[in-house]
Amino acid sequence: MFVVCGAVLAQAQPSKAVGSPDRYIVVLKEGASDPGRTADGMARRYGLRAGFVYGHALEGFSATIPEGRLEKVRADERVDYVERDRTMSAVAQPLPWGADRIQADMSSTNAGNGSGAVSNVRAYVIDTGIDKTHPDLNVVNHVNFTGEEKNADCNGHGTHVAGTLAAKDNARDVVGIAPGAPLVGVKVVRAREGARLRRGWIEVDHH
């Protein structure tokens, strides 16, 4: 039996990334009161050309950063981190970096060769739930302990974790560590908490 709590995300390596070499996503520290105003201020201070402002899944903005100013932007006390703005695409089922790192493709599951499958172990994903209709996942049961009426993944984080663990070894999306393993979604994180979980932390309600 596997029991997985959704605190870590594995990242699939993209097959191709294309983008302007001077375009970046500037992510502000938690609790930024007005990302738009911050973007305007930083544009004036560092000579940036600010683009789209983000205020939901993350707080920040896209920007074109002139040569020589990137490290100054990263060092700004309001900035959490800066990533290059790129268009990502995948043309085939990739083997996630984490699966390769633990050599899952070389284990008895043969993850990634098109024939790997695990059926004699059940994995429990304790998270925001799992998309029970996802064609790349073998969800056999789903329970809800949040008090929300909808017994489903309303955020996407738990489904992502489930894919990292047990996505089927087929021709779509990614392949999991234990491909096709039966999954039980255990929903313990409410939808509104999911965005904070994506950022790597969450408050636990003890009441």
N, C-alpha and C. Protein backbone atom coordinates (compact mmCIF):
# COMPACT_ATOMS: atom_id res chain seq x y z
N MET A 1 0.84 -1.19 0.00
CA MET A 1 0.00 0.00 0.00
C MET A 1 0.88 1.24 0.00
N PHE A 2 0.60 2.18 -0.88
CA PHE A 2 1.25 3.49 -0.87
C PHE A 2 0.32 4.49 -0.21
N VAL A 3 0.85 5.38 0.60
CA VAL A 3 0.09 6.51 1.11
C VAL A 3 0.88 7.76 0.75
N VAL A 4 0.28 8.66 -0.01
CA VAL A 4 0.99 9.84 -0.48
C VAL A 4 0.28 11.09 0.01
N CYS A 5 0.99 11.97 0.70
CA CYS A 5 0.45 13.27 1.07
C CYS A 5 1.01 14.29 0.10
N GLY A 6 0.13 15.11 -0.44
CA GLY A 6 0.54 16.01 -1.52
C GLY A 6 1.31 17.22 -1.06
N ALA A 7 2.59 17.05 -0.76
CA ALA A 7 3.40 18.20 -0.40
C ALA A 7 4.53 18.43 -1.38
N VAL A 8 4.77 17.47 -2.28
CA VAL A 8 5.88 17.58 -3.22
C VAL A 8 5.35 17.35 -4.61
N LEU A 9 5.84 18.15 -5.55
CA LEU A 9 5.46 17.99 -6.95
C LEU A 9 6.67 17.52 -7.74
N ALA A 10 6.49 16.50 -8.58
CA ALA A 10 7.54 16.11 -9.52
C ALA A 10 7.28 16.83 -10.82
N GLN A 11 8.33 17.18 -11.50
CA GLN A 11 8.20 18.00 -12.69
C GLN A 11 8.62 17.20 -13.91
N ALA A 12 7.76 17.16 -14.92
CA ALA A 12 8.09 16.49 -16.16
C ALA A 12 8.98 17.37 -16.99
N GLN A 13 9.97 16.79 -17.65
CA GLN A 13 10.82 17.54 -18.54
C GLN A 13 10.09 17.79 -19.84
N PRO A 14 10.00 19.05 -20.30
CA PRO A 14 9.32 19.34 -21.55
C PRO A 14 10.14 18.91 -22.73
N SER A 15 9.47 18.59 -23.83
CA SER A 15 10.18 18.20 -25.03
C SER A 15 10.71 19.42 -25.77
N LYS A 16 10.09 20.56 -25.52
CA LYS A 16 10.51 21.75 -26.24
C LYS A 16 10.08 22.98 -25.46
N ALA A 17 10.92 23.99 -25.40
CA ALA A 17 10.58 25.24 -24.75
C ALA A 17 11.02 26.38 -25.64
N VAL A 18 10.10 27.25 -25.98
CA VAL A 18 10.39 28.36 -26.87
C VAL A 18 9.93 29.64 -26.22
N GLY A 19 10.72 30.70 -26.29
CA GLY A 19 10.30 31.97 -25.72
C GLY A 19 11.34 33.03 -25.92
N SER A 20 10.94 34.29 -25.75
CA SER A 20 11.87 35.40 -25.88
C SER A 20 12.90 35.33 -24.76
N PRO A 21 14.19 35.54 -25.05
CA PRO A 21 15.23 35.39 -24.03
C PRO A 21 15.18 36.43 -22.93
N ASP A 22 14.42 37.54 -23.12
CA ASP A 22 14.38 38.58 -22.10
C ASP A 22 13.02 38.69 -21.41
N ARG A 23 12.12 37.72 -21.64
CA ARG A 23 10.80 37.75 -21.00
C ARG A 23 10.81 36.82 -19.79
N TYR A 24 10.26 37.33 -18.67
CA TYR A 24 10.29 36.59 -17.42
C TYR A 24 8.94 36.69 -16.70
N ILE A 25 8.72 35.76 -15.76
CA ILE A 25 7.61 35.82 -14.83
C ILE A 25 8.21 36.19 -13.47
N VAL A 26 7.77 37.32 -12.93
CA VAL A 26 8.25 37.79 -11.64
C VAL A 26 7.19 37.42 -10.59
N VAL A 27 7.55 36.54 -9.67
CA VAL A 27 6.62 36.09 -8.62
C VAL A 27 6.94 36.83 -7.33
N LEU A 28 5.92 37.50 -6.79
CA LEU A 28 6.11 38.29 -5.58
C LEU A 28 5.96 37.42 -4.33
N LYS A 29 6.46 37.92 -3.23
CA LYS A 29 6.36 37.19 -1.98
C LYS A 29 4.91 37.11 -1.51
N GLU A 30 4.63 36.13 -0.70
CA GLU A 30 3.29 35.87 -0.21
C GLU A 30 2.70 37.11 0.45
N GLY A 31 1.45 37.40 0.10
CA GLY A 31 0.76 38.51 0.74
C GLY A 31 0.93 39.85 0.06
N ALA A 32 1.44 39.86 -1.18
CA ALA A 32 1.56 41.12 -1.91
C ALA A 32 0.18 41.76 -2.04
N SER A 33 0.05 43.02 -1.59
CA SER A 33 -1.28 43.64 -1.51
C SER A 33 -1.82 44.05 -2.87
N ASP A 34 -0.96 44.49 -3.77
CA ASP A 34 -1.41 44.98 -5.07
C ASP A 34 -0.36 44.67 -6.12
N PRO A 35 -0.42 43.46 -6.72
CA PRO A 35 0.60 43.10 -7.71
C PRO A 35 0.70 44.08 -8.87
N GLY A 36 -0.45 44.67 -9.28
CA GLY A 36 -0.42 45.62 -10.38
C GLY A 36 0.37 46.86 -10.04
N ARG A 37 0.14 47.40 -8.85
CA ARG A 37 0.88 48.60 -8.43
C ARG A 37 2.37 48.28 -8.25
N THR A 38 2.66 47.09 -7.71
CA THR A 38 4.05 46.68 -7.55
C THR A 38 4.73 46.56 -8.91
N ALA A 39 4.02 45.99 -9.88
CA ALA A 39 4.58 45.85 -11.23
C ALA A 39 4.90 47.22 -11.82
N ASP A 40 3.99 48.19 -11.64
CA ASP A 40 4.23 49.54 -12.17
C ASP A 40 5.45 50.17 -11.50
N GLY A 41 5.55 50.00 -10.18
CA GLY A 41 6.67 50.59 -9.46
C GLY A 41 8.00 49.99 -9.88
N MET A 42 8.02 48.65 -10.04
CA MET A 42 9.25 48.00 -10.44
C MET A 42 9.60 48.32 -11.88
N ALA A 43 8.59 48.55 -12.71
CA ALA A 43 8.85 48.92 -14.10
C ALA A 43 9.57 50.26 -14.16
N ARG A 44 9.13 51.21 -13.33
CA ARG A 44 9.78 52.51 -13.31
C ARG A 44 11.19 52.42 -12.71
N ARG A 45 11.32 51.61 -11.67
CA ARG A 45 12.61 51.54 -10.97
C ARG A 45 13.69 50.83 -11.78
N TYR A 46 13.30 49.74 -12.47
CA TYR A 46 14.29 48.93 -13.16
C TYR A 46 14.23 49.03 -14.69
N GLY A 47 13.32 49.86 -15.19
CA GLY A 47 13.21 50.00 -16.65
C GLY A 47 12.59 48.79 -17.31
N LEU A 48 11.69 48.11 -16.59
CA LEU A 48 11.03 46.92 -17.14
C LEU A 48 9.88 47.34 -18.05
N ARG A 49 9.44 46.41 -18.87
CA ARG A 49 8.18 46.57 -19.59
C ARG A 49 7.23 45.50 -19.05
N ALA A 50 6.37 45.90 -18.12
CA ALA A 50 5.48 44.95 -17.46
C ALA A 50 4.37 44.51 -18.41
N GLY A 51 3.96 43.25 -18.27
CA GLY A 51 2.91 42.69 -19.11
C GLY A 51 1.71 42.29 -18.28
N PHE A 52 1.36 41.01 -18.32
CA PHE A 52 0.17 40.50 -17.63
C PHE A 52 0.42 40.45 -16.12
N VAL A 53 -0.59 40.85 -15.34
CA VAL A 53 -0.50 40.81 -13.89
C VAL A 53 -1.27 39.60 -13.38
N TYR A 54 -0.65 38.81 -12.49
CA TYR A 54 -1.26 37.61 -11.92
C TYR A 54 -1.67 37.89 -10.48
N GLY A 55 -2.90 37.49 -10.11
CA GLY A 55 -3.36 37.75 -8.76
C GLY A 55 -4.14 36.63 -8.13
N HIS A 56 -4.13 35.43 -8.74
CA HIS A 56 -4.91 34.32 -8.21
C HIS A 56 -4.02 33.14 -7.82
N ALA A 57 -3.65 32.29 -8.77
CA ALA A 57 -2.81 31.13 -8.44
C ALA A 57 -1.46 31.58 -7.88
N LEU A 58 -0.98 32.72 -8.34
CA LEU A 58 0.23 33.33 -7.81
C LEU A 58 0.08 34.83 -7.89
N GLU A 59 0.93 35.56 -7.17
CA GLU A 59 0.91 37.01 -7.20
C GLU A 59 2.19 37.48 -7.87
N GLY A 60 2.04 38.16 -9.00
CA GLY A 60 3.21 38.60 -9.74
C GLY A 60 2.83 39.17 -11.08
N PHE A 61 3.79 39.17 -12.00
CA PHE A 61 3.54 39.74 -13.32
C PHE A 61 4.58 39.25 -14.31
N SER A 62 4.24 39.32 -15.59
CA SER A 62 5.21 39.03 -16.64
C SER A 62 5.90 40.34 -17.01
N ALA A 63 7.14 40.24 -17.48
CA ALA A 63 7.87 41.47 -17.80
C ALA A 63 9.02 41.17 -18.76
N THR A 64 9.33 42.16 -19.56
CA THR A 64 10.56 42.13 -20.35
C THR A 64 11.61 42.87 -19.53
N ILE A 65 12.69 42.17 -19.19
CA ILE A 65 13.72 42.73 -18.32
C ILE A 65 14.96 43.06 -19.15
N PRO A 66 15.38 44.30 -19.17
CA PRO A 66 16.56 44.68 -19.95
C PRO A 66 17.81 43.95 -19.50
N GLU A 67 18.76 43.81 -20.38
CA GLU A 67 20.01 43.14 -20.07
C GLU A 67 20.71 43.86 -18.91
N GLY A 68 21.18 43.07 -17.97
CA GLY A 68 21.89 43.63 -16.83
C GLY A 68 21.02 43.98 -15.65
N ARG A 69 19.70 43.86 -15.78
CA ARG A 69 18.80 44.22 -14.68
C ARG A 69 18.20 43.01 -13.97
N LEU A 70 18.41 41.81 -14.51
CA LEU A 70 17.75 40.63 -13.96
C LEU A 70 18.12 40.39 -12.50
N GLU A 71 19.40 40.46 -12.18
CA GLU A 71 19.82 40.18 -10.80
C GLU A 71 19.30 41.24 -9.84
N LYS A 72 19.15 42.46 -10.29
CA LYS A 72 18.58 43.51 -9.44
C LYS A 72 17.12 43.22 -9.13
N VAL A 73 16.39 42.73 -10.14
CA VAL A 73 14.99 42.38 -9.91
C VAL A 73 14.90 41.21 -8.94
N ARG A 74 15.73 40.21 -9.12
CA ARG A 74 15.72 39.05 -8.21
C ARG A 74 16.06 39.46 -6.78
N ALA A 75 16.90 40.48 -6.61
CA ALA A 75 17.32 40.90 -5.28
C ALA A 75 16.32 41.83 -4.61
N ASP A 76 15.30 42.26 -5.34
CA ASP A 76 14.30 43.16 -4.76
C ASP A 76 13.60 42.47 -3.60
N GLU A 77 13.42 43.20 -2.49
CA GLU A 77 12.86 42.59 -1.28
C GLU A 77 11.42 42.11 -1.44
N ARG A 78 10.73 42.59 -2.48
CA ARG A 78 9.35 42.18 -2.71
C ARG A 78 9.24 40.91 -3.55
N VAL A 79 10.36 40.46 -4.14
CA VAL A 79 10.35 39.36 -5.11
C VAL A 79 10.67 38.03 -4.44
N ASP A 80 9.85 37.02 -4.73
CA ASP A 80 10.10 35.67 -4.24
C ASP A 80 11.07 34.95 -5.18
N TYR A 81 10.72 34.91 -6.48
CA TYR A 81 11.62 34.32 -7.47
C TYR A 81 11.23 34.80 -8.85
N VAL A 82 12.13 34.59 -9.80
CA VAL A 82 11.92 34.99 -11.20
C VAL A 82 12.23 33.81 -12.10
N GLU A 83 11.31 33.51 -13.02
CA GLU A 83 11.50 32.41 -13.96
C GLU A 83 11.35 32.94 -15.38
N ARG A 84 12.09 32.34 -16.32
CA ARG A 84 11.96 32.74 -17.71
C ARG A 84 10.57 32.38 -18.24
N ASP A 85 9.97 33.28 -18.99
CA ASP A 85 8.64 33.08 -19.57
C ASP A 85 8.80 32.29 -20.86
N ARG A 86 8.34 31.04 -20.85
CA ARG A 86 8.53 30.17 -22.01
C ARG A 86 7.24 29.44 -22.35
N THR A 87 7.08 29.12 -23.61
CA THR A 87 5.97 28.29 -24.06
C THR A 87 6.44 26.84 -24.04
N MET A 88 5.73 26.00 -23.28
CA MET A 88 6.12 24.60 -23.14
C MET A 88 5.18 23.71 -23.95
N SER A 89 5.73 22.68 -24.53
CA SER A 89 4.91 21.71 -25.26
C SER A 89 5.52 20.34 -25.13
N ALA A 90 4.66 19.33 -25.14
CA ALA A 90 5.12 17.94 -25.08
C ALA A 90 4.54 17.19 -26.27
N VAL A 91 5.38 16.46 -26.96
CA VAL A 91 4.91 15.77 -28.17
C VAL A 91 4.68 14.29 -27.94
N ALA A 92 5.01 13.77 -26.76
CA ALA A 92 4.81 12.35 -26.48
C ALA A 92 4.73 12.18 -24.97
N GLN A 93 4.42 10.97 -24.54
CA GLN A 93 4.38 10.70 -23.11
C GLN A 93 5.79 10.81 -22.54
N PRO A 94 6.07 11.83 -21.71
CA PRO A 94 7.42 11.95 -21.18
C PRO A 94 7.59 11.15 -19.90
N LEU A 95 8.82 10.77 -19.62
CA LEU A 95 9.16 10.15 -18.34
C LEU A 95 9.53 11.29 -17.40
N PRO A 96 8.73 11.55 -16.36
CA PRO A 96 9.04 12.67 -15.46
C PRO A 96 10.44 12.57 -14.89
N TRP A 97 11.00 13.73 -14.60
CA TRP A 97 12.36 13.79 -14.06
C TRP A 97 12.46 12.96 -12.79
N GLY A 98 11.45 13.04 -11.92
CA GLY A 98 11.50 12.30 -10.67
C GLY A 98 11.51 10.79 -10.87
N ALA A 99 10.72 10.32 -11.87
CA ALA A 99 10.68 8.89 -12.16
C ALA A 99 12.02 8.40 -12.66
N ASP A 100 12.65 9.22 -13.48
CA ASP A 100 13.98 8.86 -13.98
C ASP A 100 15.00 8.90 -12.85
N ARG A 101 14.84 9.87 -11.96
CA ARG A 101 15.79 10.04 -10.86
C ARG A 101 15.85 8.81 -9.96
N ILE A 102 14.71 8.18 -9.70
CA ILE A 102 14.71 7.00 -8.85
C ILE A 102 14.76 5.71 -9.67
N GLN A 103 15.02 5.87 -10.99
CA GLN A 103 15.20 4.75 -11.92
C GLN A 103 13.97 3.85 -12.00
N ALA A 104 12.78 4.47 -11.97
CA ALA A 104 11.54 3.70 -12.10
C ALA A 104 11.46 3.01 -13.45
N ASP A 105 12.10 3.60 -14.46
CA ASP A 105 12.08 2.99 -15.79
C ASP A 105 12.94 1.74 -15.84
N MET A 106 13.77 1.51 -14.83
CA MET A 106 14.63 0.33 -14.80
C MET A 106 14.14 -0.69 -13.78
N SER A 107 13.04 -0.38 -13.08
CA SER A 107 12.53 -1.29 -12.05
C SER A 107 11.62 -2.33 -12.68
N SER A 108 11.01 -3.13 -11.84
CA SER A 108 10.12 -4.18 -12.34
C SER A 108 8.86 -3.61 -12.97
N THR A 109 8.56 -2.32 -12.71
CA THR A 109 7.37 -1.72 -13.32
C THR A 109 7.63 -1.30 -14.76
N ASN A 110 8.91 -1.15 -15.13
CA ASN A 110 9.27 -0.73 -16.48
C ASN A 110 8.51 0.53 -16.91
N ALA A 111 8.41 1.49 -15.99
CA ALA A 111 7.69 2.72 -16.29
C ALA A 111 8.27 3.41 -17.52
N GLY A 112 7.44 3.66 -18.49
CA GLY A 112 7.85 4.41 -19.66
C GLY A 112 8.12 3.60 -20.91
N ASN A 113 8.03 2.27 -20.83
CA ASN A 113 8.30 1.48 -22.03
C ASN A 113 7.03 1.04 -22.74
N GLY A 114 5.89 1.52 -22.27
CA GLY A 114 4.63 1.20 -22.93
C GLY A 114 3.95 -0.05 -22.41
N SER A 115 4.59 -0.78 -21.52
CA SER A 115 3.99 -2.03 -21.04
C SER A 115 3.95 -2.13 -19.52
N GLY A 116 4.53 -1.14 -18.83
CA GLY A 116 4.57 -1.19 -17.37
C GLY A 116 3.17 -1.09 -16.77
N ALA A 117 2.91 -1.88 -15.74
CA ALA A 117 1.60 -1.83 -15.08
C ALA A 117 1.73 -2.41 -13.68
N VAL A 118 1.03 -1.79 -12.73
CA VAL A 118 1.00 -2.27 -11.35
C VAL A 118 -0.46 -2.46 -10.97
N SER A 119 -0.82 -3.64 -10.51
CA SER A 119 -2.22 -3.90 -10.17
C SER A 119 -2.39 -4.49 -8.77
N ASN A 120 -1.30 -4.91 -8.15
CA ASN A 120 -1.42 -5.62 -6.86
C ASN A 120 -1.13 -4.73 -5.67
N VAL A 121 -1.16 -3.41 -5.88
CA VAL A 121 -0.94 -2.48 -4.78
C VAL A 121 -1.89 -1.31 -4.95
N ARG A 122 -2.46 -0.83 -3.87
CA ARG A 122 -3.40 0.29 -3.93
C ARG A 122 -2.75 1.52 -3.30
N ALA A 123 -2.84 2.66 -3.96
CA ALA A 123 -2.22 3.89 -3.47
C ALA A 123 -3.29 4.86 -2.99
N TYR A 124 -3.06 5.44 -1.83
CA TYR A 124 -3.98 6.42 -1.25
C TYR A 124 -3.34 7.80 -1.33
N VAL A 125 -3.99 8.72 -2.03
CA VAL A 125 -3.45 10.07 -2.22
C VAL A 125 -4.23 11.02 -1.31
N ILE A 126 -3.58 11.48 -0.24
CA ILE A 126 -4.21 12.35 0.76
C ILE A 126 -3.91 13.79 0.36
N ASP A 127 -4.91 14.46 -0.22
CA ASP A 127 -4.62 15.74 -0.86
C ASP A 127 -5.93 16.48 -1.12
N THR A 128 -6.03 17.14 -2.29
CA THR A 128 -7.24 17.88 -2.65
C THR A 128 -8.26 17.01 -3.36
N GLY A 129 -7.99 15.71 -3.43
CA GLY A 129 -8.85 14.80 -4.17
C GLY A 129 -8.19 14.41 -5.49
N ILE A 130 -8.90 13.60 -6.28
CA ILE A 130 -8.40 13.18 -7.60
C ILE A 130 -9.54 13.32 -8.59
N ASP A 131 -9.21 13.72 -9.81
CA ASP A 131 -10.19 13.75 -10.89
C ASP A 131 -10.55 12.31 -11.24
N LYS A 132 -11.75 11.87 -10.83
CA LYS A 132 -12.15 10.47 -11.00
C LYS A 132 -12.37 10.09 -12.46
N THR A 133 -12.52 11.08 -13.33
CA THR A 133 -12.78 10.79 -14.75
C THR A 133 -11.52 10.89 -15.60
N HIS A 134 -10.39 11.18 -15.00
CA HIS A 134 -9.16 11.37 -15.78
C HIS A 134 -8.78 10.05 -16.48
N PRO A 135 -8.64 10.07 -17.81
CA PRO A 135 -8.38 8.83 -18.54
C PRO A 135 -7.00 8.22 -18.30
N ASP A 136 -6.09 8.98 -17.71
CA ASP A 136 -4.75 8.46 -17.49
C ASP A 136 -4.58 7.92 -16.06
N LEU A 137 -5.67 7.91 -15.27
CA LEU A 137 -5.59 7.46 -13.89
C LEU A 137 -6.61 6.35 -13.62
N ASN A 138 -6.22 5.40 -12.77
CA ASN A 138 -7.08 4.28 -12.41
C ASN A 138 -7.63 4.52 -11.00
N VAL A 139 -8.66 5.39 -10.91
CA VAL A 139 -9.25 5.75 -9.62
C VAL A 139 -10.34 4.74 -9.26
N VAL A 140 -10.15 4.01 -8.16
CA VAL A 140 -11.10 2.96 -7.78
C VAL A 140 -12.01 3.39 -6.64
N ASN A 141 -11.62 4.45 -5.92
CA ASN A 141 -12.47 4.93 -4.84
C ASN A 141 -12.07 6.37 -4.51
N HIS A 142 -13.01 7.09 -3.88
CA HIS A 142 -12.74 8.49 -3.56
C HIS A 142 -13.57 8.88 -2.35
N VAL A 143 -12.92 9.35 -1.28
CA VAL A 143 -13.62 9.75 -0.07
C VAL A 143 -13.31 11.21 0.23
N ASN A 144 -14.24 11.85 0.94
CA ASN A 144 -14.15 13.29 1.17
C ASN A 144 -14.30 13.58 2.67
N PHE A 145 -13.26 14.20 3.27
CA PHE A 145 -13.29 14.54 4.69
C PHE A 145 -13.29 16.05 4.92
N THR A 146 -13.57 16.83 3.88
CA THR A 146 -13.46 18.29 4.00
C THR A 146 -14.75 18.97 4.41
N GLY A 147 -15.87 18.29 4.26
CA GLY A 147 -17.15 18.92 4.51
C GLY A 147 -17.73 19.62 3.29
N GLU A 148 -16.95 19.71 2.21
CA GLU A 148 -17.47 20.27 0.97
C GLU A 148 -18.45 19.29 0.33
N GLU A 149 -19.45 19.83 -0.30
CA GLU A 149 -20.48 18.97 -0.91
C GLU A 149 -19.93 18.15 -2.05
N LYS A 150 -19.05 18.74 -2.85
CA LYS A 150 -18.55 18.05 -4.04
C LYS A 150 -17.38 17.13 -3.68
N ASN A 151 -17.55 15.85 -3.93
CA ASN A 151 -16.51 14.87 -3.65
C ASN A 151 -15.63 14.71 -4.89
N ALA A 152 -14.82 15.71 -5.15
CA ALA A 152 -13.98 15.73 -6.35
C ALA A 152 -12.81 16.67 -6.11
N ASP A 153 -11.83 16.61 -7.01
CA ASP A 153 -10.69 17.52 -6.94
C ASP A 153 -11.08 18.84 -7.59
N CYS A 154 -11.31 19.86 -6.79
CA CYS A 154 -11.72 21.17 -7.30
C CYS A 154 -10.52 22.09 -7.48
N ASN A 155 -9.31 21.55 -7.33
CA ASN A 155 -8.11 22.38 -7.41
C ASN A 155 -7.11 21.88 -8.45
N GLY A 156 -6.92 20.55 -8.50
CA GLY A 156 -5.99 19.97 -9.45
C GLY A 156 -4.70 19.46 -8.84
N HIS A 157 -4.37 19.89 -7.62
CA HIS A 157 -3.10 19.48 -7.01
C HIS A 157 -3.06 17.97 -6.75
N GLY A 158 -4.15 17.43 -6.17
CA GLY A 158 -4.17 16.00 -5.88
C GLY A 158 -4.10 15.15 -7.13
N THR A 159 -4.74 15.63 -8.21
CA THR A 159 -4.68 14.90 -9.48
C THR A 159 -3.25 14.90 -10.02
N HIS A 160 -2.55 16.02 -9.86
CA HIS A 160 -1.15 16.10 -10.29
C HIS A 160 -0.30 15.09 -9.52
N VAL A 161 -0.48 15.05 -8.20
CA VAL A 161 0.27 14.10 -7.38
C VAL A 161 -0.05 12.67 -7.78
N ALA A 162 -1.35 12.40 -8.03
CA ALA A 162 -1.76 11.05 -8.45
C ALA A 162 -1.10 10.66 -9.76
N GLY A 163 -0.96 11.62 -10.67
CA GLY A 163 -0.29 11.33 -11.94
C GLY A 163 1.18 11.03 -11.76
N THR A 164 1.83 11.77 -10.87
CA THR A 164 3.24 11.51 -10.57
C THR A 164 3.41 10.10 -10.03
N LEU A 165 2.47 9.69 -9.21
CA LEU A 165 2.54 8.36 -8.59
C LEU A 165 2.16 7.23 -9.54
N ALA A 166 1.03 7.39 -10.27
CA ALA A 166 0.46 6.21 -10.93
C ALA A 166 -0.18 6.47 -12.28
N ALA A 167 0.25 7.48 -13.02
CA ALA A 167 -0.28 7.67 -14.37
C ALA A 167 0.00 6.42 -15.20
N LYS A 168 -0.95 6.04 -16.04
CA LYS A 168 -0.83 4.82 -16.83
C LYS A 168 0.32 4.90 -17.84
N ASP A 169 0.87 3.77 -18.16
CA ASP A 169 1.96 3.68 -19.14
C ASP A 169 1.35 3.50 -20.52
N ASN A 170 0.98 4.62 -21.12
CA ASN A 170 0.33 4.57 -22.43
C ASN A 170 0.90 5.68 -23.31
N ALA A 171 0.16 6.13 -24.27
CA ALA A 171 0.68 7.11 -25.20
C ALA A 171 0.26 8.54 -24.89
N ARG A 172 -0.27 8.79 -23.67
CA ARG A 172 -0.75 10.13 -23.37
C ARG A 172 -0.12 10.67 -22.09
N ASP A 173 -0.02 11.98 -22.01
CA ASP A 173 0.44 12.67 -20.81
C ASP A 173 1.77 12.12 -20.31
N VAL A 174 1.90 11.87 -19.01
CA VAL A 174 3.14 11.35 -18.44
C VAL A 174 2.91 9.93 -17.96
N VAL A 175 3.97 9.30 -17.49
CA VAL A 175 3.86 7.97 -16.90
C VAL A 175 4.26 8.08 -15.44
N GLY A 176 3.57 7.33 -14.56
CA GLY A 176 3.83 7.41 -13.13
C GLY A 176 4.89 6.44 -12.65
N ILE A 177 5.24 6.57 -11.38
CA ILE A 177 6.23 5.70 -10.76
C ILE A 177 5.73 4.25 -10.72
N ALA A 178 4.45 4.09 -10.36
CA ALA A 178 3.80 2.77 -10.34
C ALA A 178 2.65 2.83 -11.33
N PRO A 179 2.93 2.63 -12.61
CA PRO A 179 1.95 2.91 -13.68
C PRO A 179 0.64 2.14 -13.50
N GLY A 180 -0.48 2.86 -13.56
CA GLY A 180 -1.79 2.24 -13.54
C GLY A 180 -2.23 1.68 -12.20
N ALA A 181 -1.47 1.93 -11.14
CA ALA A 181 -1.85 1.38 -9.83
C ALA A 181 -3.23 1.90 -9.42
N PRO A 182 -4.06 1.06 -8.80
CA PRO A 182 -5.37 1.51 -8.33
C PRO A 182 -5.21 2.65 -7.32
N LEU A 183 -5.97 3.71 -7.52
CA LEU A 183 -5.85 4.91 -6.69
C LEU A 183 -7.10 5.15 -5.85
N VAL A 184 -6.89 5.55 -4.61
CA VAL A 184 -7.98 6.00 -3.76
C VAL A 184 -7.71 7.47 -3.42
N GLY A 185 -8.62 8.35 -3.83
CA GLY A 185 -8.49 9.75 -3.49
C GLY A 185 -9.03 10.02 -2.10
N VAL A 186 -8.23 10.63 -1.26
CA VAL A 186 -8.65 10.99 0.10
C VAL A 186 -8.59 12.51 0.18
N LYS A 187 -9.75 13.14 0.04
CA LYS A 187 -9.82 14.59 -0.01
C LYS A 187 -9.84 15.16 1.40
N VAL A 188 -8.72 15.84 1.77
CA VAL A 188 -8.62 16.46 3.10
C VAL A 188 -8.33 17.95 2.99
N VAL A 189 -8.11 18.44 1.77
CA VAL A 189 -7.80 19.86 1.55
C VAL A 189 -8.93 20.47 0.75
N ARG A 190 -9.52 21.54 1.26
CA ARG A 190 -10.62 22.21 0.58
C ARG A 190 -10.11 23.01 -0.60
N ALA A 191 -11.02 23.32 -1.53
CA ALA A 191 -10.66 23.99 -2.78
C ALA A 191 -9.92 25.29 -2.53
N ARG A 192 -10.40 26.09 -1.58
CA ARG A 192 -9.80 27.41 -1.38
C ARG A 192 -8.39 27.33 -0.80
N GLU A 193 -8.05 26.16 -0.19
CA GLU A 193 -6.72 25.99 0.37
C GLU A 193 -5.72 25.51 -0.68
N GLY A 194 -6.24 25.05 -1.82
CA GLY A 194 -5.38 24.43 -2.82
C GLY A 194 -4.33 25.36 -3.38
N ALA A 195 -4.67 26.65 -3.57
CA ALA A 195 -3.70 27.60 -4.13
C ALA A 195 -2.50 27.74 -3.23
N ARG A 196 -2.74 27.74 -1.90
CA ARG A 196 -1.62 27.83 -0.96
C ARG A 196 -0.80 26.55 -0.97
N LEU A 197 -1.46 25.41 -1.18
CA LEU A 197 -0.74 24.15 -1.26
C LEU A 197 0.18 24.14 -2.46
N ARG A 198 -0.28 24.73 -3.60
CA ARG A 198 0.56 24.82 -4.79
C ARG A 198 1.82 25.64 -4.53
N ARG A 199 1.71 26.62 -3.62
CA ARG A 199 2.86 27.44 -3.29
C ARG A 199 3.80 26.76 -2.30
N GLY A 200 3.41 25.58 -1.80
CA GLY A 200 4.30 24.82 -0.95
C GLY A 200 4.01 24.87 0.54
N TRP A 201 2.88 25.49 0.96
CA TRP A 201 2.53 25.49 2.37
C TRP A 201 1.03 25.53 2.51
N ILE A 202 0.57 25.17 3.68
CA ILE A 202 -0.87 25.20 3.95
C ILE A 202 -1.11 25.27 5.44
N GLU A 203 -2.16 25.98 5.82
CA GLU A 203 -2.55 26.04 7.22
C GLU A 203 -3.45 24.85 7.53
N VAL A 204 -3.24 24.22 8.66
CA VAL A 204 -4.05 23.07 9.06
C VAL A 204 -5.11 23.54 10.05
N ASP A 205 -6.36 23.23 9.76
CA ASP A 205 -7.46 23.58 10.63
C ASP A 205 -7.62 22.48 11.67
N HIS A 206 -7.37 22.79 12.93
CA HIS A 206 -7.42 21.79 13.99
C HIS A 206 -8.82 21.70 14.63
N HIS A 207 -9.78 22.49 14.18
CA HIS A 207 -11.10 22.52 14.79
C HIS A 207 -12.02 21.47 14.19
